[in-house]
PDB file of N, CA and C in Angstrom:
ATOM      1  N   MET A   1     -18.627 -28.790  27.061  1.00  0.00           N
ATOM      2  CA  MET A   1     -19.256 -28.391  28.306  1.00  0.00           C
ATOM      3  C   MET A   1     -18.265 -27.832  29.153  1.00  0.00           C
ATOM      4  N   ASN A   2     -18.732 -26.742  29.858  1.00  0.00           N
ATOM      5  CA  ASN A   2     -17.903 -25.885  30.749  1.00  0.00           C
ATOM      6  C   ASN A   2     -17.914 -26.605  32.121  1.00  0.00           C
ATOM      7  N   ILE A   3     -16.902 -27.122  32.702  1.00  0.00           N
ATOM      8  CA  ILE A   3     -16.860 -27.646  33.916  1.00  0.00           C
ATOM      9  C   ILE A   3     -16.243 -26.649  34.933  1.00  0.00           C
ATOM     10  N   GLY A   4     -15.064 -26.075  34.637  1.00  0.00           N
ATOM     11  CA  GLY A   4     -14.488 -25.035  35.426  1.00  0.00           C
ATOM     12  C   GLY A   4     -13.128 -25.682  36.077  1.00  0.00           C
ATOM     13  N   THR A   5     -12.359 -24.780  36.371  1.00  0.00           N
ATOM     14  CA  THR A   5     -10.960 -25.162  36.845  1.00  0.00           C
ATOM     15  C   THR A   5     -10.870 -25.482  38.370  1.00  0.00           C
ATOM     16  N   GLY A   6     -12.003 -25.081  39.143  1.00  0.00           N
ATOM     17  CA  GLY A   6     -11.786 -25.142  40.453  1.00  0.00           C
ATOM     18  C   GLY A   6     -10.739 -24.124  41.118  1.00  0.00           C
ATOM     19  N   ILE A   7     -10.265 -23.170  40.425  1.00  0.00           N
ATOM     20  CA  ILE A   7      -9.543 -22.155  40.872  1.00  0.00           C
ATOM     21  C   ILE A   7     -10.278 -20.882  40.979  1.00  0.00           C
ATOM     22  N   GLN A   8     -10.192 -20.108  42.016  1.00  0.00           N
ATOM     23  CA  GLN A   8     -11.045 -19.002  42.377  1.00  0.00           C
ATOM     24  C   GLN A   8     -10.478 -17.777  41.426  1.00  0.00           C
ATOM     25  N   SER A   9     -11.427 -17.175  40.688  1.00  0.00           N
ATOM     26  CA  SER A   9     -11.206 -15.990  40.088  1.00  0.00           C
ATOM     27  C   SER A   9     -12.266 -14.806  40.289  1.00  0.00           C
ATOM     28  N   THR A  10     -11.741 -13.584  40.272  1.00  0.00           N
ATOM     29  CA  THR A  10     -12.564 -12.517  40.395  1.00  0.00           C
ATOM     30  C   THR A  10     -13.324 -12.029  39.032  1.00  0.00           C
ATOM     31  N   ASN A  11     -14.182 -11.323  39.155  1.00  0.00           N
ATOM     32  CA  ASN A  11     -14.716 -10.735  37.761  1.00  0.00           C
ATOM     33  C   ASN A  11     -13.725  -9.947  37.085  1.00  0.00           C
ATOM     34  N   LEU A  12     -12.899  -9.162  37.878  1.00  0.00           N
ATOM     35  CA  LEU A  12     -11.832  -8.275  37.362  1.00  0.00           C
ATOM     36  C   LEU A  12     -10.833  -9.155  36.747  1.00  0.00           C
ATOM     37  N   ASP A  13     -10.477 -10.315  37.197  1.00  0.00           N
ATOM     38  CA  ASP A  13      -9.624 -11.214  36.643  1.00  0.00           C
ATOM     39  C   ASP A  13     -10.070 -11.765  35.206  1.00  0.00           C
ATOM     40  N   ILE A  14     -11.330 -11.916  35.136  1.00  0.00           N
ATOM     41  CA  ILE A  14     -11.926 -12.427  33.825  1.00  0.00           C
ATOM     42  C   ILE A  14     -11.817 -11.327  32.794  1.00  0.00           C
ATOM     43  N   VAL A  15     -12.126 -10.028  33.260  1.00  0.00           N
ATOM     44  CA  VAL A  15     -12.165  -8.731  32.300  1.00  0.00           C
ATOM     45  C   VAL A  15     -10.766  -8.681  31.830  1.00  0.00           C
ATOM     46  N   ARG A  16      -9.763  -8.777  32.910  1.00  0.00           N
ATOM     47  CA  ARG A  16      -8.394  -8.369  32.403  1.00  0.00           C
ATOM     48  C   ARG A  16      -7.840  -9.563  31.501  1.00  0.00           C
ATOM     49  N   ALA A  17      -8.280 -10.761  31.720  1.00  0.00           N
ATOM     50  CA  ALA A  17      -7.934 -11.929  30.708  1.00  0.00           C
ATOM     51  C   ALA A  17      -8.542 -11.642  29.332  1.00  0.00           C
ATOM     52  N   LEU A  18      -9.761 -11.168  29.294  1.00  0.00           N
ATOM     53  CA  LEU A  18     -10.425 -11.008  27.994  1.00  0.00           C
ATOM     54  C   LEU A  18      -9.825  -9.830  27.360  1.00  0.00           C
ATOM     55  N   GLU A  19      -9.327  -8.845  28.173  1.00  0.00           N
ATOM     56  CA  GLU A  19      -8.712  -7.577  27.390  1.00  0.00           C
ATOM     57  C   GLU A  19      -7.424  -8.136  26.867  1.00  0.00           C
ATOM     58  N   ASP A  20      -6.863  -8.956  27.554  1.00  0.00           N
ATOM     59  CA  ASP A  20      -5.416  -9.684  26.861  1.00  0.00           C
ATOM     60  C   ASP A  20      -5.624 -10.374  25.534  1.00  0.00           C
ATOM     61  N   ILE A  21      -6.765 -11.105  25.544  1.00  0.00           N
ATOM     62  CA  ILE A  21      -7.117 -11.945  24.428  1.00  0.00           C
ATOM     63  C   ILE A  21      -7.652 -11.115  23.265  1.00  0.00           C
ATOM     64  N   LEU A  22      -8.358 -10.036  23.545  1.00  0.00           N
ATOM     65  CA  LEU A  22      -8.798  -9.259  22.473  1.00  0.00           C
ATOM     66  C   LEU A  22      -8.096  -8.152  22.153  1.00  0.00           C
ATOM     67  N   VAL A  23      -6.857  -7.961  22.932  1.00  0.00           N
ATOM     68  CA  VAL A  23      -5.922  -6.770  22.845  1.00  0.00           C
ATOM     69  C   VAL A  23      -6.904  -5.568  22.654  1.00  0.00           C
ATOM     70  N   LYS A  24      -7.751  -5.423  23.644  1.00  0.00           N
ATOM     71  CA  LYS A  24      -8.637  -4.065  23.726  1.00  0.00           C
ATOM     72  C   LYS A  24      -8.902  -3.973  25.082  1.00  0.00           C
ATOM     73  N   LYS A  25      -8.989  -2.688  25.575  1.00  0.00           N
ATOM     74  CA  LYS A  25      -9.440  -2.407  26.883  1.00  0.00           C
ATOM     75  C   LYS A  25     -10.949  -2.285  27.008  1.00  0.00           C
ATOM     76  N   ALA A  26     -11.452  -2.962  28.310  1.00  0.00           N
ATOM     77  CA  ALA A  26     -12.879  -2.921  28.425  1.00  0.00           C
ATOM     78  C   ALA A  26     -13.402  -1.497  29.008  1.00  0.00           C
ATOM     79  N   ARG A  27     -14.529  -1.232  28.775  1.00  0.00           N
ATOM     80  CA  ARG A  27     -15.161  -0.124  29.287  1.00  0.00           C
ATOM     81  C   ARG A  27     -16.219  -0.682  30.259  1.00  0.00           C
ATOM     82  N   PHE A  28     -16.176  -0.339  31.503  1.00  0.00           N
ATOM     83  CA  PHE A  28     -17.153  -0.898  32.432  1.00  0.00           C
ATOM     84  C   PHE A  28     -17.316  -0.064  33.668  1.00  0.00           C
ATOM     85  N   THR A  29     -18.375  -0.247  34.402  1.00  0.00           N
ATOM     86  CA  THR A  29     -18.608   0.628  35.502  1.00  0.00           C
ATOM     87  C   THR A  29     -18.684  -0.507  36.654  1.00  0.00           C
ATOM     88  N   LYS A  30     -17.902  -0.113  37.588  1.00  0.00           N
ATOM     89  CA  LYS A  30     -17.814  -1.090  38.882  1.00  0.00           C
ATOM     90  C   LYS A  30     -19.018  -0.507  39.822  1.00  0.00           C
ATOM     91  N   VAL A  31     -19.885  -1.653  39.987  1.00  0.00           N
ATOM     92  CA  VAL A  31     -21.090  -1.437  41.091  1.00  0.00           C
ATOM     93  C   VAL A  31     -20.604  -1.758  42.368  1.00  0.00           C
ATOM     94  N   GLU A  32     -20.760  -0.760  43.182  1.00  0.00           N
ATOM     95  CA  GLU A  32     -20.533  -1.120  44.484  1.00  0.00           C
ATOM     96  C   GLU A  32     -21.574  -1.696  45.272  1.00  0.00           C
ATOM     97  N   GLY A  33     -22.846  -1.418  45.140  1.00  0.00           N
ATOM     98  CA  GLY A  33     -23.946  -1.948  45.864  1.00  0.00           C
ATOM     99  C   GLY A  33     -24.603  -3.152  45.104  1.00  0.00           C
ATOM    100  N   MET A  34     -23.914  -4.199  45.280  1.00  0.00           N
ATOM    101  CA  MET A  34     -24.570  -5.569  44.676  1.00  0.00           C
ATOM    102  C   MET A  34     -25.626  -6.060  45.462  1.00  0.00           C
ATOM    103  N   ARG A  35     -26.369  -6.830  44.820  1.00  0.00           N
ATOM    104  CA  ARG A  35     -27.494  -7.688  45.609  1.00  0.00           C
ATOM    105  C   ARG A  35     -26.773  -8.663  46.607  1.00  0.00           C
ATOM    106  N   PRO A  36     -27.355  -9.010  47.591  1.00  0.00           N
ATOM    107  CA  PRO A  36     -26.741  -9.816  48.631  1.00  0.00           C
ATOM    108  C   PRO A  36     -26.283 -11.256  48.138  1.00  0.00           C
ATOM    109  N   ASP A  37     -27.078 -11.747  46.968  1.00  0.00           N
ATOM    110  CA  ASP A  37     -26.751 -13.075  46.606  1.00  0.00           C
ATOM    111  C   ASP A  37     -25.748 -13.076  45.407  1.00  0.00           C
ATOM    112  N   HIS A  38     -25.198 -11.852  44.991  1.00  0.00           N
ATOM    113  CA  HIS A  38     -24.277 -11.734  43.944  1.00  0.00           C
ATOM    114  C   HIS A  38     -22.823 -11.786  44.623  1.00  0.00           C
ATOM    115  N   SER A  39     -21.912 -12.136  43.757  1.00  0.00           N
ATOM    116  CA  SER A  39     -20.341 -12.140  44.435  1.00  0.00           C
ATOM    117  C   SER A  39     -19.487 -11.583  43.293  1.00  0.00           C
ATOM    118  N   PHE A  40     -18.414 -11.113  43.850  1.00  0.00           N
ATOM    119  CA  PHE A  40     -17.310 -10.718  42.980  1.00  0.00           C
ATOM    120  C   PHE A  40     -16.332 -11.753  42.607  1.00  0.00           C
ATOM    121  N   ILE A  41     -16.425 -12.884  43.349  1.00  0.00           N
ATOM    122  CA  ILE A  41     -15.449 -13.958  43.159  1.00  0.00           C
ATOM    123  C   ILE A  41     -16.336 -15.081  42.850  1.00  0.00           C
ATOM    124  N   TRP A  42     -15.595 -15.903  41.828  1.00  0.00           N
ATOM    125  CA  TRP A  42     -16.276 -17.102  41.189  1.00  0.00           C
ATOM    126  C   TRP A  42     -15.329 -18.270  41.366  1.00  0.00           C
ATOM    127  N   CYS A  43     -15.861 -19.421  41.598  1.00  0.00           N
ATOM    128  CA  CYS A  43     -15.155 -20.634  41.708  1.00  0.00           C
ATOM    129  C   CYS A  43     -15.984 -21.910  41.504  1.00  0.00           C
ATOM    130  N   SER A  44     -15.703 -22.649  40.538  1.00  0.00           N
ATOM    131  CA  SER A  44     -16.476 -23.889  40.244  1.00  0.00           C
ATOM    132  C   SER A  44     -15.882 -25.076  41.373  1.00  0.00           C
ATOM    133  N   ASP A  45     -16.938 -25.979  41.635  1.00  0.00           N
ATOM    134  CA  ASP A  45     -16.514 -27.160  42.449  1.00  0.00           C
ATOM    135  C   ASP A  45     -16.539 -28.372  41.571  1.00  0.00           C
ATOM    136  N   ASN A  46     -15.378 -28.820  41.105  1.00  0.00           N
ATOM    137  CA  ASN A  46     -15.249 -29.965  40.284  1.00  0.00           C
ATOM    138  C   ASN A  46     -14.820 -31.363  40.949  1.00  0.00           C
ATOM    139  N   MET A  47     -14.781 -31.207  42.272  1.00  0.00           N
ATOM    140  CA  MET A  47     -14.326 -32.465  43.090  1.00  0.00           C
ATOM    141  C   MET A  47     -14.955 -33.751  42.752  1.00  0.00           C
ATOM    142  N   LYS A  48     -16.229 -33.673  42.482  1.00  0.00           N
ATOM    143  CA  LYS A  48     -17.021 -34.956  42.227  1.00  0.00           C
ATOM    144  C   LYS A  48     -16.626 -35.548  40.935  1.00  0.00           C
ATOM    145  N   LEU A  49     -16.400 -34.723  39.938  1.00  0.00           N
ATOM    146  CA  LEU A  49     -15.960 -35.099  38.687  1.00  0.00           C
ATOM    147  C   LEU A  49     -14.469 -35.636  38.791  1.00  0.00           C
ATOM    148  N   LYS A  50     -13.588 -34.941  39.430  1.00  0.00           N
ATOM    149  CA  LYS A  50     -12.268 -35.409  39.613  1.00  0.00           C
ATOM    150  C   LYS A  50     -12.385 -36.873  40.169  1.00  0.00           C
ATOM    151  N   GLY A  51     -13.247 -37.138  41.120  1.00  0.00           N
ATOM    152  CA  GLY A  51     -13.272 -38.366  41.904  1.00  0.00           C
ATOM    153  C   GLY A  51     -13.747 -39.435  41.008  1.00  0.00           C
ATOM    154  N   LEU A  52     -14.336 -38.997  39.788  1.00  0.00           N
ATOM    155  CA  LEU A  52     -14.849 -40.039  38.627  1.00  0.00           C
ATOM    156  C   LEU A  52     -13.747 -40.174  37.686  1.00  0.00           C
ATOM    157  N   GLY A  53     -12.509 -39.538  37.928  1.00  0.00           N
ATOM    158  CA  GLY A  53     -11.455 -39.612  36.801  1.00  0.00           C
ATOM    159  C   GLY A  53     -11.333 -38.519  36.034  1.00  0.00           C
ATOM    160  N   TRP A  54     -12.145 -37.407  35.900  1.00  0.00           N
ATOM    161  CA  TRP A  54     -12.162 -36.420  35.156  1.00  0.00           C
ATOM    162  C   TRP A  54     -10.885 -35.589  35.272  1.00  0.00           C
ATOM    163  N   LYS A  55     -10.332 -35.269  34.276  1.00  0.00           N
ATOM    164  CA  LYS A  55      -9.113 -34.245  34.383  1.00  0.00           C
ATOM    165  C   LYS A  55      -9.290 -33.043  33.511  1.00  0.00           C
ATOM    166  N   GLN A  56      -8.731 -31.873  34.161  1.00  0.00           N
ATOM    167  CA  GLN A  56      -8.901 -30.653  33.411  1.00  0.00           C
ATOM    168  C   GLN A  56      -8.058 -30.545  32.335  1.00  0.00           C
ATOM    169  N   SER A  57      -8.552 -30.022  31.108  1.00  0.00           N
ATOM    170  CA  SER A  57      -7.754 -30.002  29.847  1.00  0.00           C
ATOM    171  C   SER A  57      -7.237 -28.474  29.515  1.00  0.00           C
ATOM    172  N   HIS A  58      -7.967 -27.633  30.097  1.00  0.00           N
ATOM    173  CA  HIS A  58      -7.701 -26.140  29.723  1.00  0.00           C
ATOM    174  C   HIS A  58      -7.629 -25.438  30.961  1.00  0.00           C
ATOM    175  N   SER A  59      -6.914 -24.338  30.959  1.00  0.00           N
ATOM    176  CA  SER A  59      -6.958 -23.262  31.996  1.00  0.00           C
ATOM    177  C   SER A  59      -8.018 -22.261  31.699  1.00  0.00           C
ATOM    178  N   LEU A  60      -8.455 -21.355  32.573  1.00  0.00           N
ATOM    179  CA  LEU A  60      -9.490 -20.542  32.303  1.00  0.00           C
ATOM    180  C   LEU A  60      -9.336 -19.522  31.053  1.00  0.00           C
ATOM    181  N   VAL A  61      -7.827 -19.129  31.131  1.00  0.00           N
ATOM    182  CA  VAL A  61      -7.499 -18.368  29.874  1.00  0.00           C
ATOM    183  C   VAL A  61      -7.571 -19.147  28.557  1.00  0.00           C
ATOM    184  N   GLU A  62      -7.070 -20.365  28.539  1.00  0.00           N
ATOM    185  CA  GLU A  62      -7.105 -21.199  27.318  1.00  0.00           C
ATOM    186  C   GLU A  62      -8.535 -21.258  26.891  1.00  0.00           C
ATOM    187  N   GLY A  63      -9.419 -21.771  27.830  1.00  0.00           N
ATOM    188  CA  GLY A  63     -10.859 -21.828  27.503  1.00  0.00           C
ATOM    189  C   GLY A  63     -11.474 -20.696  27.083  1.00  0.00           C
ATOM    190  N   LEU A  64     -11.149 -19.351  27.523  1.00  0.00           N
ATOM    191  CA  LEU A  64     -11.655 -18.158  26.979  1.00  0.00           C
ATOM    192  C   LEU A  64     -11.153 -17.865  25.478  1.00  0.00           C
ATOM    193  N   ARG A  65      -9.850 -18.053  25.359  1.00  0.00           N
ATOM    194  CA  ARG A  65      -9.259 -17.790  24.294  1.00  0.00           C
ATOM    195  C   ARG A  65      -9.955 -18.719  23.046  1.00  0.00           C
ATOM    196  N   GLU A  66     -10.025 -19.994  23.420  1.00  0.00           N
ATOM    197  CA  GLU A  66     -10.573 -20.988  22.505  1.00  0.00           C
ATOM    198  C   GLU A  66     -12.025 -20.500  22.137  1.00  0.00           C
ATOM    199  N   THR A  67     -12.769 -20.163  23.039  1.00  0.00           N
ATOM    200  CA  THR A  67     -14.153 -19.742  22.898  1.00  0.00           C
ATOM    201  C   THR A  67     -14.185 -18.502  22.027  1.00  0.00           C
ATOM    202  N   TYR A  68     -13.377 -17.519  22.314  1.00  0.00           N
ATOM    203  CA  TYR A  68     -13.372 -16.284  21.437  1.00  0.00           C
ATOM    204  C   TYR A  68     -12.976 -16.812  20.015  1.00  0.00           C
ATOM    205  N   GLU A  69     -11.943 -17.542  19.837  1.00  0.00           N
ATOM    206  CA  GLU A  69     -11.556 -17.959  18.450  1.00  0.00           C
ATOM    207  C   GLU A  69     -12.652 -18.746  17.698  1.00  0.00           C
ATOM    208  N   SER A  70     -13.402 -19.490  18.404  1.00  0.00           N
ATOM    209  CA  SER A  70     -14.576 -20.247  17.683  1.00  0.00           C
ATOM    210  C   SER A  70     -15.641 -19.284  17.458  1.00  0.00           C
ATOM    211  N   TYR A  71     -15.929 -18.275  18.317  1.00  0.00           N
ATOM    212  CA  TYR A  71     -16.778 -17.244  17.897  1.00  0.00           C
ATOM    213  C   TYR A  71     -16.510 -16.402  16.705  1.00  0.00           C
ATOM    214  N   LYS A  72     -15.140 -16.138  16.651  1.00  0.00           N
ATOM    215  CA  LYS A  72     -14.710 -15.282  15.526  1.00  0.00           C
ATOM    216  C   LYS A  72     -14.983 -16.068  14.091  1.00  0.00           C
ATOM    217  N   VAL A  73     -14.731 -17.322  14.188  1.00  0.00           N
ATOM    218  CA  VAL A  73     -14.945 -18.069  12.963  1.00  0.00           C
ATOM    219  C   VAL A  73     -16.480 -17.929  12.481  1.00  0.00           C
ATOM    220  N   VAL A  74     -17.422 -17.983  13.565  1.00  0.00           N
ATOM    221  CA  VAL A  74     -18.835 -17.863  13.165  1.00  0.00           C
ATOM    222  C   VAL A  74     -19.260 -16.447  12.880  1.00  0.00           C
ATOM    223  N   PHE A  75     -18.829 -15.538  13.850  1.00  0.00           N
ATOM    224  CA  PHE A  75     -19.329 -14.198  13.691  1.00  0.00           C
ATOM    225  C   PHE A  75     -18.457 -13.123  12.993  1.00  0.00           C
ATOM    226  N   GLY A  76     -17.208 -13.523  12.747  1.00  0.00           N
ATOM    227  CA  GLY A  76     -16.247 -12.689  11.994  1.00  0.00           C
ATOM    228  C   GLY A  76     -16.117 -11.359  12.821  1.00  0.00           C
ATOM    229  N   SER A  77     -16.166 -10.203  12.103  1.00  0.00           N
ATOM    230  CA  SER A  77     -15.855  -8.970  12.856  1.00  0.00           C
ATOM    231  C   SER A  77     -16.878  -8.559  13.808  1.00  0.00           C
ATOM    232  N   TYR A  78     -18.075  -9.129  13.789  1.00  0.00           N
ATOM    233  CA  TYR A  78     -19.066  -8.717  14.582  1.00  0.00           C
ATOM    234  C   TYR A  78     -18.681  -9.254  16.040  1.00  0.00           C
ATOM    235  N   CYS A  79     -17.767 -10.175  16.208  1.00  0.00           N
ATOM    236  CA  CYS A  79     -17.530 -10.901  17.531  1.00  0.00           C
ATOM    237  C   CYS A  79     -16.775  -9.767  18.432  1.00  0.00           C
ATOM    238  N   ILE A  80     -16.249  -8.628  18.063  1.00  0.00           N
ATOM    239  CA  ILE A  80     -15.562  -7.826  19.172  1.00  0.00           C
ATOM    240  C   ILE A  80     -16.678  -6.646  19.443  1.00  0.00           C
TER     241      ILE A  80
END
């Protein structure tokens, strides 16, 4: 289950982290005119779970890396 770190990240932060994990440059187009309900910045609120004793076990990059590695096992070379 993906809970989130509670640490703010931009979409570009995620792209750069994935580039590092895949050792491959992403090709993308930056969209200037986004819809009003869309955001360039994402952050989960995990305070209620922390109040119940939950503790984070992975950083965002660790979670992305682990997810990528598990997809490689299932999809092999089609994963990239």
